[in-house]
Amino acid sequence: MKTKTSLTKDQALDVIRNGDEQGYLIQLNNKEVEQMANLKETAQAYEPPQTLNIADLEVVSVDAEIKTETGKNKDDEEFTYNYIEVDDKKYRVPNSVLTELKTIIEEQPELKKFRVKKTGSGLQTRYTVVPLV
């Protein structure tokens, strides 16, 4: 249960410095600061944002909206990638999947769904698009 406590600036700093295990709603300089969990709990619950891979999906609709985003690699160099969103999660769509899907759609224009199989890793990763009926 949350309780509302007004503290002086020094008291608030002591709460922060001491890493008090309790959650506080602190009013400091007439601004409310809500502390729901401590740093340890927050760190344990933290999940960094990540982009999954289209091969992680069981079924993909050909009508899924594709978007483009720019990221940075480990050398701090920018790169652009395509992705789709499913259930508020981003799934990267490699260019090789788009190329293979284009070929399949040329032969099967009525295609509605497919899945992607991924083999290998790193530079040896290969994707196979499997049409679904």
N, C-alpha and C. Protein backbone atom coordinates (compact mmCIF):
# COMPACT_ATOMS: atom_id res chain seq x y z
N MET A 1 0.84 -1.17 0.00
CA MET A 1 0.00 0.00 0.00
C MET A 1 0.88 1.24 0.00
N LYS A 2 0.56 2.19 -0.83
CA LYS A 2 1.32 3.43 -0.91
C LYS A 2 0.87 4.38 0.19
N THR A 3 1.84 5.04 0.79
CA THR A 3 1.52 6.10 1.74
C THR A 3 2.18 7.37 1.23
N LYS A 4 1.61 8.48 1.57
CA LYS A 4 2.14 9.75 1.11
C LYS A 4 2.92 10.38 2.25
N THR A 5 4.19 10.69 2.02
CA THR A 5 5.05 11.26 3.05
C THR A 5 5.73 12.49 2.49
N SER A 6 5.74 13.56 3.26
CA SER A 6 6.47 14.75 2.86
C SER A 6 7.80 14.75 3.60
N LEU A 7 8.88 14.90 2.88
CA LEU A 7 10.21 14.88 3.46
C LEU A 7 10.96 16.15 3.08
N THR A 8 11.93 16.50 3.91
CA THR A 8 12.81 17.61 3.53
C THR A 8 13.75 17.09 2.45
N LYS A 9 14.46 18.00 1.82
CA LYS A 9 15.41 17.61 0.79
C LYS A 9 16.45 16.66 1.36
N ASP A 10 16.99 16.96 2.55
CA ASP A 10 17.99 16.11 3.18
C ASP A 10 17.43 14.73 3.51
N GLN A 11 16.19 14.70 4.00
CA GLN A 11 15.58 13.40 4.31
C GLN A 11 15.41 12.57 3.04
N ALA A 12 14.99 13.22 1.97
CA ALA A 12 14.80 12.51 0.70
C ALA A 12 16.13 11.98 0.20
N LEU A 13 17.19 12.78 0.33
CA LEU A 13 18.50 12.31 -0.10
C LEU A 13 18.96 11.14 0.75
N ASP A 14 18.65 11.15 2.05
CA ASP A 14 18.99 10.03 2.93
C ASP A 14 18.27 8.77 2.49
N VAL A 15 17.00 8.88 2.10
CA VAL A 15 16.24 7.72 1.63
C VAL A 15 16.91 7.15 0.39
N ILE A 16 17.33 8.04 -0.51
CA ILE A 16 17.98 7.58 -1.73
C ILE A 16 19.34 6.97 -1.41
N ARG A 17 20.13 7.63 -0.57
CA ARG A 17 21.47 7.13 -0.22
C ARG A 17 21.41 5.80 0.50
N ASN A 18 20.45 5.63 1.39
CA ASN A 18 20.36 4.42 2.19
C ASN A 18 19.72 3.26 1.45
N GLY A 19 19.17 3.52 0.28
CA GLY A 19 18.54 2.45 -0.49
C GLY A 19 17.40 1.81 0.29
N ASP A 20 16.60 2.62 0.94
CA ASP A 20 15.51 2.12 1.78
C ASP A 20 14.68 1.11 0.99
N GLU A 21 14.37 -0.02 1.61
CA GLU A 21 13.65 -1.11 0.96
C GLU A 21 12.18 -0.78 0.71
N GLN A 22 11.65 0.22 1.40
CA GLN A 22 10.24 0.57 1.27
C GLN A 22 10.03 1.41 0.01
N GLY A 23 8.83 1.37 -0.54
CA GLY A 23 8.47 2.26 -1.64
C GLY A 23 7.91 3.55 -1.05
N TYR A 24 8.31 4.69 -1.54
CA TYR A 24 7.85 5.96 -1.00
C TYR A 24 7.31 6.84 -2.12
N LEU A 25 6.35 7.64 -1.76
CA LEU A 25 5.92 8.73 -2.62
C LEU A 25 6.50 9.96 -1.95
N ILE A 26 7.53 10.52 -2.55
CA ILE A 26 8.29 11.60 -1.93
C ILE A 26 7.87 12.93 -2.56
N GLN A 27 7.62 13.91 -1.72
CA GLN A 27 7.33 15.24 -2.23
C GLN A 27 8.57 16.07 -1.97
N LEU A 28 9.24 16.49 -3.04
CA LEU A 28 10.48 17.23 -2.95
C LEU A 28 10.35 18.47 -3.81
N ASN A 29 10.54 19.63 -3.21
CA ASN A 29 10.39 20.89 -3.93
C ASN A 29 9.02 20.97 -4.62
N ASN A 30 7.98 20.57 -3.90
CA ASN A 30 6.61 20.58 -4.39
C ASN A 30 6.38 19.69 -5.61
N LYS A 31 7.28 18.73 -5.84
CA LYS A 31 7.11 17.77 -6.93
C LYS A 31 7.06 16.39 -6.31
N GLU A 32 6.10 15.59 -6.73
CA GLU A 32 5.99 14.24 -6.20
C GLU A 32 6.87 13.31 -7.02
N VAL A 33 7.64 12.49 -6.33
CA VAL A 33 8.50 11.51 -6.98
C VAL A 33 8.07 10.16 -6.42
N GLU A 34 7.65 9.27 -7.28
CA GLU A 34 7.15 7.98 -6.82
C GLU A 34 8.25 6.93 -6.95
N GLN A 35 8.58 6.28 -5.87
CA GLN A 35 9.56 5.21 -5.86
C GLN A 35 8.82 3.93 -5.54
N MET A 36 8.60 3.10 -6.52
CA MET A 36 7.82 1.89 -6.33
C MET A 36 8.68 0.69 -5.94
N ALA A 37 9.92 0.65 -6.38
CA ALA A 37 10.78 -0.48 -6.09
C ALA A 37 12.19 0.03 -5.91
N ASN A 38 13.02 -0.78 -5.31
CA ASN A 38 14.40 -0.35 -5.17
C ASN A 38 15.19 -0.71 -6.43
N LEU A 39 16.44 -0.32 -6.46
CA LEU A 39 17.28 -0.52 -7.64
C LEU A 39 17.46 -2.01 -7.94
N LYS A 40 17.65 -2.81 -6.90
CA LYS A 40 17.84 -4.24 -7.10
C LYS A 40 16.63 -4.87 -7.79
N GLU A 41 15.42 -4.56 -7.29
CA GLU A 41 14.19 -5.12 -7.88
C GLU A 41 14.01 -4.66 -9.31
N THR A 42 14.30 -3.38 -9.54
CA THR A 42 14.15 -2.84 -10.89
C THR A 42 15.13 -3.51 -11.84
N ALA A 43 16.38 -3.70 -11.40
CA ALA A 43 17.39 -4.35 -12.24
C ALA A 43 17.01 -5.79 -12.55
N GLN A 44 16.49 -6.49 -11.55
CA GLN A 44 16.10 -7.88 -11.76
C GLN A 44 14.94 -8.02 -12.73
N ALA A 45 14.04 -7.04 -12.73
CA ALA A 45 12.87 -7.09 -13.61
C ALA A 45 13.15 -6.49 -14.99
N TYR A 46 14.30 -5.82 -15.14
CA TYR A 46 14.59 -5.11 -16.39
C TYR A 46 14.81 -6.07 -17.55
N GLU A 47 14.15 -5.76 -18.64
CA GLU A 47 14.36 -6.48 -19.89
C GLU A 47 14.72 -5.45 -20.94
N PRO A 48 15.95 -5.51 -21.47
CA PRO A 48 16.35 -4.50 -22.44
C PRO A 48 15.52 -4.62 -23.72
N PRO A 49 15.27 -3.48 -24.37
CA PRO A 49 14.53 -3.54 -25.63
C PRO A 49 15.32 -4.37 -26.63
N GLN A 50 14.62 -5.20 -27.34
CA GLN A 50 15.29 -6.02 -28.33
C GLN A 50 14.39 -6.26 -29.52
N THR A 51 15.02 -6.53 -30.64
CA THR A 51 14.28 -6.86 -31.84
C THR A 51 14.46 -8.36 -32.07
N LEU A 52 13.35 -9.05 -32.15
CA LEU A 52 13.38 -10.48 -32.40
C LEU A 52 13.54 -10.72 -33.90
N ASN A 53 13.44 -11.95 -34.33
CA ASN A 53 13.60 -12.29 -35.74
C ASN A 53 12.30 -12.88 -36.27
N ILE A 54 11.98 -12.60 -37.51
CA ILE A 54 10.74 -13.10 -38.12
C ILE A 54 10.66 -14.63 -38.04
N ALA A 55 11.81 -15.30 -37.98
CA ALA A 55 11.82 -16.76 -37.86
C ALA A 55 11.31 -17.22 -36.50
N ASP A 56 11.21 -16.31 -35.53
CA ASP A 56 10.67 -16.65 -34.21
C ASP A 56 9.15 -16.79 -34.22
N LEU A 57 8.50 -16.34 -35.29
CA LEU A 57 7.04 -16.41 -35.40
C LEU A 57 6.62 -17.72 -36.05
N GLU A 58 5.51 -18.29 -35.58
CA GLU A 58 4.98 -19.53 -36.15
C GLU A 58 4.35 -19.27 -37.52
N VAL A 59 3.62 -18.15 -37.62
CA VAL A 59 2.90 -17.79 -38.85
C VAL A 59 3.03 -16.29 -39.06
N VAL A 60 3.22 -15.90 -40.32
CA VAL A 60 3.31 -14.48 -40.67
C VAL A 60 2.34 -14.21 -41.81
N SER A 61 1.60 -13.13 -41.71
CA SER A 61 0.69 -12.73 -42.78
C SER A 61 1.45 -11.90 -43.80
N VAL A 62 1.16 -12.12 -45.09
CA VAL A 62 1.80 -11.32 -46.13
C VAL A 62 1.32 -9.87 -46.07
N ASP A 63 0.23 -9.62 -45.35
CA ASP A 63 -0.31 -8.27 -45.23
C ASP A 63 0.25 -7.50 -44.04
N ALA A 64 1.19 -8.10 -43.29
CA ALA A 64 1.78 -7.41 -42.14
C ALA A 64 2.48 -6.15 -42.62
N GLU A 65 2.30 -5.06 -41.86
CA GLU A 65 2.92 -3.79 -42.22
C GLU A 65 4.40 -3.83 -41.89
N ILE A 66 5.23 -3.50 -42.88
CA ILE A 66 6.67 -3.51 -42.66
C ILE A 66 7.15 -2.08 -42.39
N LYS A 67 8.05 -1.96 -41.44
CA LYS A 67 8.59 -0.65 -41.07
C LYS A 67 10.10 -0.71 -41.14
N THR A 68 10.72 0.46 -41.15
CA THR A 68 12.18 0.55 -41.21
C THR A 68 12.68 1.32 -40.00
N GLU A 69 13.79 0.86 -39.45
CA GLU A 69 14.38 1.53 -38.29
C GLU A 69 15.90 1.55 -38.45
N THR A 70 16.52 2.53 -37.83
CA THR A 70 17.97 2.64 -37.85
C THR A 70 18.51 2.29 -36.47
N GLY A 71 19.57 1.50 -36.44
CA GLY A 71 20.20 1.12 -35.19
C GLY A 71 21.70 1.32 -35.30
N LYS A 72 22.42 0.96 -34.25
CA LYS A 72 23.88 1.05 -34.25
C LYS A 72 24.46 -0.31 -33.88
N ASN A 73 25.53 -0.68 -34.58
CA ASN A 73 26.18 -1.95 -34.26
C ASN A 73 27.20 -1.75 -33.14
N LYS A 74 27.92 -2.80 -32.80
CA LYS A 74 28.86 -2.73 -31.68
C LYS A 74 30.00 -1.75 -31.93
N ASP A 75 30.25 -1.41 -33.21
CA ASP A 75 31.29 -0.43 -33.55
C ASP A 75 30.71 0.98 -33.65
N ASP A 76 29.46 1.15 -33.20
CA ASP A 76 28.77 2.43 -33.19
C ASP A 76 28.49 2.96 -34.61
N GLU A 77 28.40 2.05 -35.58
CA GLU A 77 28.07 2.42 -36.95
C GLU A 77 26.57 2.21 -37.16
N GLU A 78 25.93 3.16 -37.84
CA GLU A 78 24.50 3.07 -38.09
C GLU A 78 24.19 2.05 -39.18
N PHE A 79 23.06 1.37 -39.03
CA PHE A 79 22.55 0.48 -40.05
C PHE A 79 21.03 0.56 -40.04
N THR A 80 20.42 0.20 -41.15
CA THR A 80 18.97 0.25 -41.29
C THR A 80 18.46 -1.18 -41.46
N TYR A 81 17.32 -1.46 -40.83
CA TYR A 81 16.73 -2.79 -40.97
C TYR A 81 15.21 -2.68 -41.05
N ASN A 82 14.61 -3.71 -41.64
CA ASN A 82 13.15 -3.81 -41.76
C ASN A 82 12.63 -4.67 -40.61
N TYR A 83 11.41 -4.35 -40.16
CA TYR A 83 10.79 -5.16 -39.12
C TYR A 83 9.28 -5.08 -39.24
N ILE A 84 8.62 -6.05 -38.61
CA ILE A 84 7.17 -6.03 -38.46
C ILE A 84 6.88 -6.05 -36.96
N GLU A 85 5.71 -5.57 -36.58
CA GLU A 85 5.31 -5.60 -35.17
C GLU A 85 4.17 -6.59 -34.99
N VAL A 86 4.34 -7.47 -34.01
CA VAL A 86 3.31 -8.44 -33.66
C VAL A 86 3.20 -8.42 -32.14
N ASP A 87 2.02 -8.15 -31.62
CA ASP A 87 1.79 -8.08 -30.17
C ASP A 87 2.78 -7.14 -29.50
N ASP A 88 2.98 -5.96 -30.08
CA ASP A 88 3.87 -4.92 -29.54
C ASP A 88 5.33 -5.34 -29.46
N LYS A 89 5.73 -6.35 -30.21
CA LYS A 89 7.13 -6.76 -30.28
C LYS A 89 7.62 -6.60 -31.71
N LYS A 90 8.88 -6.19 -31.85
CA LYS A 90 9.47 -5.99 -33.17
C LYS A 90 10.19 -7.26 -33.62
N TYR A 91 9.93 -7.65 -34.87
CA TYR A 91 10.57 -8.81 -35.46
C TYR A 91 11.29 -8.37 -36.73
N ARG A 92 12.60 -8.51 -36.73
CA ARG A 92 13.41 -8.10 -37.88
C ARG A 92 13.10 -8.99 -39.08
N VAL A 93 13.07 -8.35 -40.26
CA VAL A 93 12.82 -9.07 -41.51
C VAL A 93 14.07 -8.92 -42.40
N PRO A 94 14.90 -9.94 -42.47
CA PRO A 94 16.10 -9.86 -43.30
C PRO A 94 15.75 -9.67 -44.78
N ASN A 95 16.63 -8.99 -45.50
CA ASN A 95 16.39 -8.76 -46.94
C ASN A 95 16.27 -10.05 -47.72
N SER A 96 16.98 -11.09 -47.30
CA SER A 96 16.90 -12.37 -48.01
C SER A 96 15.50 -12.97 -47.90
N VAL A 97 14.80 -12.71 -46.81
CA VAL A 97 13.42 -13.18 -46.66
C VAL A 97 12.52 -12.45 -47.64
N LEU A 98 12.72 -11.14 -47.78
CA LEU A 98 11.92 -10.36 -48.74
C LEU A 98 12.16 -10.85 -50.17
N THR A 99 13.41 -11.14 -50.50
CA THR A 99 13.74 -11.62 -51.84
C THR A 99 13.07 -12.96 -52.12
N GLU A 100 13.15 -13.87 -51.16
CA GLU A 100 12.55 -15.19 -51.35
C GLU A 100 11.02 -15.10 -51.38
N LEU A 101 10.46 -14.26 -50.52
CA LEU A 101 9.00 -14.09 -50.49
C LEU A 101 8.51 -13.51 -51.82
N LYS A 102 9.25 -12.58 -52.40
CA LYS A 102 8.87 -12.00 -53.70
C LYS A 102 8.76 -13.09 -54.76
N THR A 103 9.73 -13.99 -54.78
CA THR A 103 9.73 -15.08 -55.76
C THR A 103 8.52 -15.99 -55.55
N ILE A 104 8.21 -16.30 -54.31
CA ILE A 104 7.07 -17.18 -54.02
C ILE A 104 5.76 -16.51 -54.41
N ILE A 105 5.62 -15.22 -54.11
CA ILE A 105 4.38 -14.50 -54.44
C ILE A 105 4.19 -14.40 -55.95
N GLU A 106 5.27 -14.31 -56.71
CA GLU A 106 5.16 -14.29 -58.18
C GLU A 106 4.54 -15.59 -58.68
N GLU A 107 4.85 -16.71 -58.02
CA GLU A 107 4.31 -18.01 -58.41
C GLU A 107 2.96 -18.31 -57.76
N GLN A 108 2.74 -17.73 -56.57
CA GLN A 108 1.50 -17.97 -55.82
C GLN A 108 0.92 -16.64 -55.34
N PRO A 109 0.35 -15.85 -56.24
CA PRO A 109 -0.13 -14.52 -55.86
C PRO A 109 -1.25 -14.54 -54.80
N GLU A 110 -1.90 -15.68 -54.60
CA GLU A 110 -2.96 -15.78 -53.60
C GLU A 110 -2.43 -16.10 -52.20
N LEU A 111 -1.13 -16.23 -52.06
CA LEU A 111 -0.53 -16.56 -50.77
C LEU A 111 -0.94 -15.56 -49.70
N LYS A 112 -1.35 -16.07 -48.53
CA LYS A 112 -1.79 -15.21 -47.43
C LYS A 112 -0.86 -15.32 -46.22
N LYS A 113 -0.31 -16.53 -45.98
CA LYS A 113 0.51 -16.74 -44.80
C LYS A 113 1.74 -17.57 -45.13
N PHE A 114 2.77 -17.38 -44.32
CA PHE A 114 4.01 -18.14 -44.49
C PHE A 114 4.73 -18.21 -43.15
N ARG A 115 5.77 -18.98 -43.10
CA ARG A 115 6.66 -18.96 -41.94
C ARG A 115 8.08 -18.98 -42.46
N VAL A 116 9.01 -18.68 -41.58
CA VAL A 116 10.40 -18.60 -41.97
C VAL A 116 11.21 -19.55 -41.11
N LYS A 117 12.03 -20.38 -41.76
CA LYS A 117 12.94 -21.27 -41.06
C LYS A 117 14.33 -20.65 -41.09
N LYS A 118 14.99 -20.70 -39.95
CA LYS A 118 16.33 -20.12 -39.82
C LYS A 118 17.33 -21.23 -39.53
N THR A 119 18.42 -21.26 -40.27
CA THR A 119 19.49 -22.21 -39.99
C THR A 119 20.81 -21.46 -39.91
N GLY A 120 21.74 -21.98 -39.14
CA GLY A 120 23.04 -21.35 -39.00
C GLY A 120 23.00 -20.18 -38.05
N SER A 121 24.13 -19.49 -37.93
CA SER A 121 24.22 -18.31 -37.08
C SER A 121 25.29 -17.37 -37.62
N GLY A 122 25.23 -16.14 -37.15
CA GLY A 122 26.20 -15.14 -37.61
C GLY A 122 26.13 -14.93 -39.11
N LEU A 123 27.30 -14.89 -39.74
CA LEU A 123 27.35 -14.68 -41.19
C LEU A 123 26.88 -15.91 -41.97
N GLN A 124 26.75 -17.04 -41.28
CA GLN A 124 26.30 -18.28 -41.94
C GLN A 124 24.79 -18.49 -41.83
N THR A 125 24.05 -17.49 -41.34
CA THR A 125 22.59 -17.62 -41.17
C THR A 125 21.91 -17.68 -42.53
N ARG A 126 20.99 -18.62 -42.68
CA ARG A 126 20.21 -18.77 -43.89
C ARG A 126 18.73 -18.81 -43.50
N TYR A 127 17.88 -18.21 -44.34
CA TYR A 127 16.45 -18.19 -44.09
C TYR A 127 15.74 -18.87 -45.25
N THR A 128 14.73 -19.68 -44.91
CA THR A 128 13.91 -20.34 -45.93
C THR A 128 12.46 -19.93 -45.66
N VAL A 129 11.80 -19.39 -46.66
CA VAL A 129 10.40 -19.01 -46.55
C VAL A 129 9.54 -20.20 -46.95
N VAL A 130 8.62 -20.57 -46.06
CA VAL A 130 7.75 -21.73 -46.29
C VAL A 130 6.32 -21.21 -46.44
N PRO A 131 5.73 -21.34 -47.66
CA PRO A 131 4.35 -20.90 -47.85
C PRO A 131 3.40 -21.80 -47.06
N LEU A 132 2.36 -21.22 -46.48
CA LEU A 132 1.35 -21.98 -45.75
C LEU A 132 0.01 -21.86 -46.46
N VAL A 133 -0.72 -22.94 -46.46
CA VAL A 133 -2.02 -22.96 -47.13
C VAL A 133 -3.13 -22.65 -46.16
